[in-house]
Amino acid sequence: MLDLYEAMYIADPGLSEHEVETLAERLKAEMVQKGGEIVDLQHLGKKRLAYSIRRKRDGFYFLLYFRLARDLLSELRVGYRLNESILRFLILKKKEMPAQGLRPGEVRLPAQGLRPGAGDKTSPAESGEEEE
């Protein structure tokens, strides 16, 4: 059974646009070669890092959703650690794909269990109750 994963990659900012595209294609091809399935790939562009990694202050960000057998995930991680073009990566297991229109990192909270006006505080006069 193939599990759904979300992976964020930060690529070396010294790469050219062509090299960045080649890296993305290589990541996709490696995933398919291992029996995985690419669900979505988003190029998030070049962004400033919160702190320097290998003396780099910027990086090209990718967000990849894929399905892969759980036992092949460790092989994938080893390959990413050996790839000098990838500064950092993070792979998370997902239960389902996020809703369209959400940006990476944005969370939509479920509405179940909430009732209208639950957070509203009204004065006793507005609610029709008498003050004591």
N, C-alpha and C. Protein backbone atom coordinates (compact mmCIF):
# COMPACT_ATOMS: atom_id res chain seq x y z
N MET A 1 0.84 -1.18 0.00
CA MET A 1 0.00 0.00 0.00
C MET A 1 0.88 1.24 0.00
N LEU A 2 0.50 2.21 -0.81
CA LEU A 2 1.26 3.45 -0.91
C LEU A 2 0.67 4.49 0.05
N ASP A 3 1.52 5.06 0.89
CA ASP A 3 1.11 6.11 1.81
C ASP A 3 1.35 7.47 1.17
N LEU A 4 0.56 8.47 1.60
CA LEU A 4 0.70 9.83 1.10
C LEU A 4 1.68 10.60 1.96
N TYR A 5 2.63 11.29 1.31
CA TYR A 5 3.64 12.08 2.01
C TYR A 5 3.70 13.48 1.42
N GLU A 6 4.15 14.41 2.26
CA GLU A 6 4.41 15.79 1.85
C GLU A 6 5.88 16.05 2.14
N ALA A 7 6.61 16.55 1.15
CA ALA A 7 8.04 16.82 1.34
C ALA A 7 8.33 18.26 0.95
N MET A 8 9.11 18.93 1.79
CA MET A 8 9.58 20.29 1.50
C MET A 8 11.08 20.20 1.29
N TYR A 9 11.55 20.75 0.19
CA TYR A 9 12.97 20.75 -0.14
C TYR A 9 13.46 22.17 -0.23
N ILE A 10 14.69 22.40 0.21
CA ILE A 10 15.36 23.68 0.00
C ILE A 10 16.61 23.37 -0.80
N ALA A 11 16.66 23.92 -2.01
CA ALA A 11 17.79 23.66 -2.91
C ALA A 11 18.79 24.81 -2.83
N ASP A 12 20.01 24.52 -3.18
CA ASP A 12 21.12 25.47 -3.16
C ASP A 12 20.79 26.69 -4.02
N PRO A 13 20.98 27.90 -3.50
CA PRO A 13 20.66 29.11 -4.27
C PRO A 13 21.67 29.38 -5.40
N GLY A 14 22.81 28.68 -5.38
CA GLY A 14 23.80 28.86 -6.43
C GLY A 14 23.44 28.17 -7.73
N LEU A 15 22.36 27.39 -7.73
CA LEU A 15 21.93 26.69 -8.94
C LEU A 15 21.27 27.67 -9.91
N SER A 16 21.45 27.42 -11.20
CA SER A 16 20.77 28.22 -12.21
C SER A 16 19.31 27.74 -12.32
N GLU A 17 18.49 28.51 -13.03
CA GLU A 17 17.09 28.12 -13.22
C GLU A 17 16.99 26.75 -13.89
N HIS A 18 17.85 26.52 -14.86
CA HIS A 18 17.85 25.23 -15.57
C HIS A 18 18.22 24.10 -14.61
N GLU A 19 19.23 24.32 -13.77
CA GLU A 19 19.66 23.30 -12.81
C GLU A 19 18.58 23.01 -11.77
N VAL A 20 17.82 24.05 -11.39
CA VAL A 20 16.72 23.86 -10.44
C VAL A 20 15.63 23.00 -11.06
N GLU A 21 15.30 23.27 -12.33
CA GLU A 21 14.30 22.46 -13.03
C GLU A 21 14.79 21.01 -13.18
N THR A 22 16.06 20.84 -13.47
CA THR A 22 16.64 19.51 -13.61
C THR A 22 16.58 18.75 -12.28
N LEU A 23 16.86 19.46 -11.18
CA LEU A 23 16.78 18.84 -9.85
C LEU A 23 15.35 18.38 -9.55
N ALA A 24 14.37 19.21 -9.87
CA ALA A 24 12.96 18.85 -9.63
C ALA A 24 12.57 17.62 -10.45
N GLU A 25 12.99 17.60 -11.70
CA GLU A 25 12.70 16.44 -12.55
C GLU A 25 13.39 15.18 -12.04
N ARG A 26 14.61 15.34 -11.54
CA ARG A 26 15.35 14.20 -11.01
C ARG A 26 14.67 13.65 -9.75
N LEU A 27 14.16 14.55 -8.89
CA LEU A 27 13.44 14.11 -7.69
C LEU A 27 12.18 13.33 -8.07
N LYS A 28 11.46 13.83 -9.07
CA LYS A 28 10.25 13.14 -9.53
C LYS A 28 10.59 11.78 -10.14
N ALA A 29 11.62 11.73 -10.98
CA ALA A 29 12.00 10.48 -11.64
C ALA A 29 12.45 9.44 -10.63
N GLU A 30 13.19 9.87 -9.61
CA GLU A 30 13.64 8.94 -8.57
C GLU A 30 12.46 8.35 -7.81
N MET A 31 11.45 9.18 -7.57
CA MET A 31 10.25 8.73 -6.86
C MET A 31 9.50 7.67 -7.69
N VAL A 32 9.33 7.94 -8.97
CA VAL A 32 8.63 7.01 -9.86
C VAL A 32 9.42 5.72 -10.02
N GLN A 33 10.74 5.83 -10.10
CA GLN A 33 11.61 4.66 -10.24
C GLN A 33 11.46 3.72 -9.04
N LYS A 34 11.23 4.26 -7.87
CA LYS A 34 11.07 3.44 -6.66
C LYS A 34 9.65 2.90 -6.50
N GLY A 35 8.80 3.14 -7.50
CA GLY A 35 7.44 2.62 -7.45
C GLY A 35 6.44 3.60 -6.86
N GLY A 36 6.86 4.84 -6.68
CA GLY A 36 5.99 5.86 -6.12
C GLY A 36 5.15 6.55 -7.18
N GLU A 37 4.35 7.47 -6.72
CA GLU A 37 3.45 8.21 -7.61
C GLU A 37 3.48 9.68 -7.19
N ILE A 38 3.71 10.56 -8.15
CA ILE A 38 3.74 12.00 -7.88
C ILE A 38 2.31 12.52 -7.90
N VAL A 39 1.90 13.17 -6.83
CA VAL A 39 0.56 13.74 -6.76
C VAL A 39 0.60 15.20 -7.16
N ASP A 40 1.57 15.97 -6.64
CA ASP A 40 1.66 17.40 -6.94
C ASP A 40 3.07 17.88 -6.65
N LEU A 41 3.57 18.79 -7.49
CA LEU A 41 4.86 19.43 -7.26
C LEU A 41 4.66 20.92 -7.43
N GLN A 42 5.06 21.69 -6.43
CA GLN A 42 4.94 23.14 -6.48
C GLN A 42 6.31 23.77 -6.31
N HIS A 43 6.67 24.64 -7.24
CA HIS A 43 7.90 25.43 -7.11
C HIS A 43 7.51 26.69 -6.36
N LEU A 44 8.07 26.90 -5.19
CA LEU A 44 7.72 28.06 -4.38
C LEU A 44 8.69 29.21 -4.57
N GLY A 45 9.71 29.01 -5.37
CA GLY A 45 10.62 30.09 -5.71
C GLY A 45 11.78 30.23 -4.74
N LYS A 46 12.56 31.28 -4.97
CA LYS A 46 13.73 31.55 -4.14
C LYS A 46 13.29 32.42 -2.97
N LYS A 47 13.62 31.97 -1.76
CA LYS A 47 13.21 32.67 -0.55
C LYS A 47 14.39 32.80 0.40
N ARG A 48 14.27 33.77 1.28
CA ARG A 48 15.29 34.00 2.31
C ARG A 48 15.13 32.96 3.42
N LEU A 49 16.24 32.40 3.87
CA LEU A 49 16.22 31.44 4.96
C LEU A 49 16.16 32.16 6.31
N ALA A 50 15.59 31.54 7.30
CA ALA A 50 15.52 32.12 8.64
C ALA A 50 16.92 32.18 9.27
N TYR A 51 17.78 31.25 8.91
CA TYR A 51 19.16 31.22 9.39
C TYR A 51 20.01 30.60 8.29
N SER A 52 21.29 30.82 8.33
CA SER A 52 22.14 30.31 7.25
C SER A 52 22.35 28.80 7.39
N ILE A 53 22.36 28.15 6.24
CA ILE A 53 22.62 26.72 6.14
C ILE A 53 23.78 26.57 5.17
N ARG A 54 24.86 25.98 5.63
CA ARG A 54 26.09 25.84 4.82
C ARG A 54 26.53 27.20 4.25
N ARG A 55 26.41 28.22 5.06
CA ARG A 55 26.79 29.61 4.71
C ARG A 55 25.94 30.20 3.59
N LYS A 56 24.75 29.67 3.40
CA LYS A 56 23.81 30.18 2.39
C LYS A 56 22.68 30.88 3.12
N ARG A 57 22.23 32.02 2.61
CA ARG A 57 21.14 32.77 3.22
C ARG A 57 19.83 32.66 2.45
N ASP A 58 19.86 32.10 1.23
CA ASP A 58 18.68 31.93 0.40
C ASP A 58 18.59 30.48 -0.04
N GLY A 59 17.43 30.13 -0.60
CA GLY A 59 17.28 28.79 -1.13
C GLY A 59 16.04 28.70 -2.02
N PHE A 60 16.05 27.76 -2.94
CA PHE A 60 14.89 27.48 -3.79
C PHE A 60 14.02 26.46 -3.06
N TYR A 61 12.75 26.78 -2.89
CA TYR A 61 11.83 25.91 -2.16
C TYR A 61 10.95 25.11 -3.11
N PHE A 62 10.74 23.84 -2.77
CA PHE A 62 9.84 22.94 -3.50
C PHE A 62 8.91 22.29 -2.49
N LEU A 63 7.69 22.08 -2.88
CA LEU A 63 6.74 21.31 -2.08
C LEU A 63 6.24 20.17 -2.95
N LEU A 64 6.43 18.94 -2.49
CA LEU A 64 6.10 17.76 -3.28
C LEU A 64 5.17 16.86 -2.49
N TYR A 65 4.06 16.48 -3.11
CA TYR A 65 3.15 15.49 -2.54
C TYR A 65 3.33 14.22 -3.36
N PHE A 66 3.53 13.10 -2.68
CA PHE A 66 3.76 11.85 -3.38
C PHE A 66 3.23 10.68 -2.57
N ARG A 67 3.05 9.56 -3.25
CA ARG A 67 2.67 8.31 -2.61
C ARG A 67 3.82 7.33 -2.81
N LEU A 68 4.17 6.64 -1.72
CA LEU A 68 5.30 5.72 -1.77
C LEU A 68 5.12 4.67 -0.67
N ALA A 69 5.64 3.48 -0.91
CA ALA A 69 5.62 2.42 0.10
C ALA A 69 6.48 2.85 1.29
N ARG A 70 6.01 2.58 2.47
CA ARG A 70 6.68 3.02 3.70
C ARG A 70 8.12 2.51 3.81
N ASP A 71 8.37 1.27 3.39
CA ASP A 71 9.71 0.71 3.53
C ASP A 71 10.74 1.33 2.59
N LEU A 72 10.31 2.05 1.57
CA LEU A 72 11.24 2.70 0.64
C LEU A 72 11.61 4.12 1.06
N LEU A 73 10.95 4.62 2.07
CA LEU A 73 11.16 6.00 2.51
C LEU A 73 12.59 6.22 3.03
N SER A 74 13.13 5.26 3.75
CA SER A 74 14.49 5.42 4.29
C SER A 74 15.53 5.50 3.17
N GLU A 75 15.33 4.73 2.09
CA GLU A 75 16.23 4.81 0.93
C GLU A 75 16.20 6.20 0.33
N LEU A 76 15.01 6.76 0.25
CA LEU A 76 14.84 8.10 -0.31
C LEU A 76 15.58 9.14 0.53
N ARG A 77 15.46 9.04 1.85
CA ARG A 77 16.12 9.99 2.75
C ARG A 77 17.64 9.92 2.62
N VAL A 78 18.17 8.73 2.50
CA VAL A 78 19.63 8.57 2.35
C VAL A 78 20.10 9.27 1.08
N GLY A 79 19.37 9.09 0.00
CA GLY A 79 19.72 9.74 -1.25
C GLY A 79 19.67 11.26 -1.16
N TYR A 80 18.71 11.79 -0.43
CA TYR A 80 18.60 13.25 -0.27
C TYR A 80 19.75 13.80 0.57
N ARG A 81 20.16 13.04 1.58
CA ARG A 81 21.28 13.49 2.42
C ARG A 81 22.58 13.54 1.63
N LEU A 82 22.72 12.66 0.65
CA LEU A 82 23.94 12.62 -0.17
C LEU A 82 23.93 13.62 -1.31
N ASN A 83 22.77 14.17 -1.63
CA ASN A 83 22.64 15.13 -2.73
C ASN A 83 23.08 16.51 -2.25
N GLU A 84 24.17 17.01 -2.77
CA GLU A 84 24.71 18.29 -2.33
C GLU A 84 23.89 19.49 -2.79
N SER A 85 23.00 19.31 -3.74
CA SER A 85 22.14 20.40 -4.21
C SER A 85 20.99 20.68 -3.25
N ILE A 86 20.68 19.72 -2.37
CA ILE A 86 19.59 19.88 -1.41
C ILE A 86 20.18 20.31 -0.07
N LEU A 87 19.84 21.55 0.35
CA LEU A 87 20.35 22.05 1.63
C LEU A 87 19.62 21.39 2.80
N ARG A 88 18.29 21.31 2.70
CA ARG A 88 17.46 20.72 3.76
C ARG A 88 16.24 20.08 3.11
N PHE A 89 15.68 19.09 3.81
CA PHE A 89 14.41 18.50 3.38
C PHE A 89 13.67 18.03 4.60
N LEU A 90 12.37 17.94 4.47
CA LEU A 90 11.50 17.44 5.53
C LEU A 90 10.39 16.65 4.88
N ILE A 91 10.18 15.42 5.34
CA ILE A 91 9.13 14.56 4.79
C ILE A 91 8.14 14.24 5.89
N LEU A 92 6.87 14.53 5.64
CA LEU A 92 5.80 14.27 6.60
C LEU A 92 4.77 13.34 6.00
N LYS A 93 4.24 12.44 6.80
CA LYS A 93 3.16 11.57 6.35
C LYS A 93 1.85 12.33 6.48
N LYS A 94 1.02 12.28 5.45
CA LYS A 94 -0.26 12.99 5.44
C LYS A 94 -1.39 11.98 5.42
N LYS A 95 -2.53 12.39 5.99
CA LYS A 95 -3.71 11.53 5.94
C LYS A 95 -4.47 11.76 4.65
N GLU A 96 -4.48 13.01 4.19
CA GLU A 96 -5.17 13.34 2.95
C GLU A 96 -4.55 14.60 2.36
N MET A 97 -4.83 14.85 1.10
CA MET A 97 -4.32 16.05 0.44
C MET A 97 -5.00 17.28 1.03
N PRO A 98 -4.26 18.38 1.19
CA PRO A 98 -4.89 19.61 1.67
C PRO A 98 -5.86 20.15 0.63
N ALA A 99 -6.85 20.91 1.10
CA ALA A 99 -7.84 21.50 0.20
C ALA A 99 -7.16 22.49 -0.73
N GLN A 100 -7.68 22.60 -1.93
CA GLN A 100 -7.13 23.54 -2.89
C GLN A 100 -7.32 24.96 -2.37
N GLY A 101 -6.41 25.83 -2.69
CA GLY A 101 -6.53 27.22 -2.28
C GLY A 101 -5.79 27.52 -0.98
N LEU A 102 -5.29 26.50 -0.29
CA LEU A 102 -4.51 26.73 0.92
C LEU A 102 -3.05 26.87 0.54
N ARG A 103 -2.37 27.78 1.20
CA ARG A 103 -0.94 27.92 1.00
C ARG A 103 -0.22 26.95 1.91
N PRO A 104 1.02 26.57 1.57
CA PRO A 104 1.76 25.64 2.43
C PRO A 104 1.88 26.21 3.84
N GLY A 105 1.62 25.37 4.82
CA GLY A 105 1.69 25.80 6.20
C GLY A 105 0.40 26.38 6.74
N GLU A 106 -0.55 26.69 5.87
CA GLU A 106 -1.82 27.26 6.29
C GLU A 106 -2.75 26.13 6.72
N VAL A 107 -3.43 26.32 7.81
CA VAL A 107 -4.29 25.28 8.37
C VAL A 107 -5.73 25.76 8.38
N ARG A 108 -6.63 24.90 7.96
CA ARG A 108 -8.05 25.20 8.03
C ARG A 108 -8.63 24.32 9.13
N LEU A 109 -9.19 24.95 10.16
CA LEU A 109 -9.72 24.21 11.29
C LEU A 109 -11.09 23.64 10.98
N PRO A 110 -11.39 22.45 11.48
CA PRO A 110 -12.72 21.87 11.25
C PRO A 110 -13.78 22.63 12.03
N ALA A 111 -14.97 22.71 11.47
CA ALA A 111 -16.04 23.48 12.08
C ALA A 111 -16.92 22.62 12.98
N GLN A 112 -16.71 21.32 13.06
CA GLN A 112 -17.58 20.48 13.85
C GLN A 112 -17.42 20.81 15.34
N GLY A 113 -18.52 20.71 16.06
CA GLY A 113 -18.51 20.98 17.48
C GLY A 113 -18.69 22.44 17.83
N LEU A 114 -18.71 23.29 16.83
CA LEU A 114 -18.91 24.71 17.08
C LEU A 114 -20.38 25.05 16.86
N ARG A 115 -20.91 25.90 17.68
CA ARG A 115 -22.28 26.34 17.47
C ARG A 115 -22.26 27.84 17.23
N PRO A 116 -23.18 28.35 16.45
CA PRO A 116 -23.19 29.78 16.15
C PRO A 116 -23.28 30.59 17.43
N GLY A 117 -22.44 31.60 17.51
CA GLY A 117 -22.48 32.50 18.65
C GLY A 117 -21.81 31.97 19.89
N ALA A 118 -21.11 30.83 19.79
CA ALA A 118 -20.48 30.23 20.97
C ALA A 118 -19.41 31.14 21.55
N GLY A 119 -18.76 31.90 20.70
CA GLY A 119 -17.70 32.77 21.18
C GLY A 119 -18.19 34.17 21.47
N ASP A 120 -19.43 34.46 21.16
CA ASP A 120 -19.97 35.81 21.37
C ASP A 120 -20.33 36.01 22.82
N LYS A 121 -19.96 37.14 23.36
CA LYS A 121 -20.36 37.48 24.73
C LYS A 121 -21.33 38.63 24.62
N THR A 122 -22.50 38.41 25.11
CA THR A 122 -23.51 39.47 25.08
C THR A 122 -23.83 39.87 26.51
N SER A 123 -24.22 41.12 26.67
CA SER A 123 -24.60 41.57 28.01
C SER A 123 -25.96 40.99 28.35
N PRO A 124 -26.30 40.88 29.64
CA PRO A 124 -27.60 40.33 30.03
C PRO A 124 -28.76 41.11 29.43
N ALA A 125 -28.60 42.42 29.24
CA ALA A 125 -29.70 43.24 28.68
C ALA A 125 -29.96 42.86 27.24
N GLU A 126 -28.88 42.54 26.48
CA GLU A 126 -29.04 42.17 25.07
C GLU A 126 -29.65 40.79 24.93
N SER A 127 -29.41 39.91 25.89
CA SER A 127 -29.91 38.56 25.78
C SER A 127 -31.31 38.39 26.37
N GLY A 128 -31.83 39.46 26.95
CA GLY A 128 -33.17 39.39 27.51
C GLY A 128 -33.19 38.94 28.95
N GLU A 129 -32.02 38.72 29.54
CA GLU A 129 -31.98 38.29 30.95
C GLU A 129 -31.92 39.52 31.83
N GLU A 130 -32.36 39.38 33.06
CA GLU A 130 -32.32 40.47 34.01
C GLU A 130 -30.98 40.45 34.73
N GLU A 131 -30.48 41.66 35.04
CA GLU A 131 -29.26 41.77 35.83
C GLU A 131 -29.57 41.56 37.28
N GLU A 132 -28.66 40.97 38.02
CA GLU A 132 -28.88 40.77 39.44
C GLU A 132 -28.11 41.76 40.26
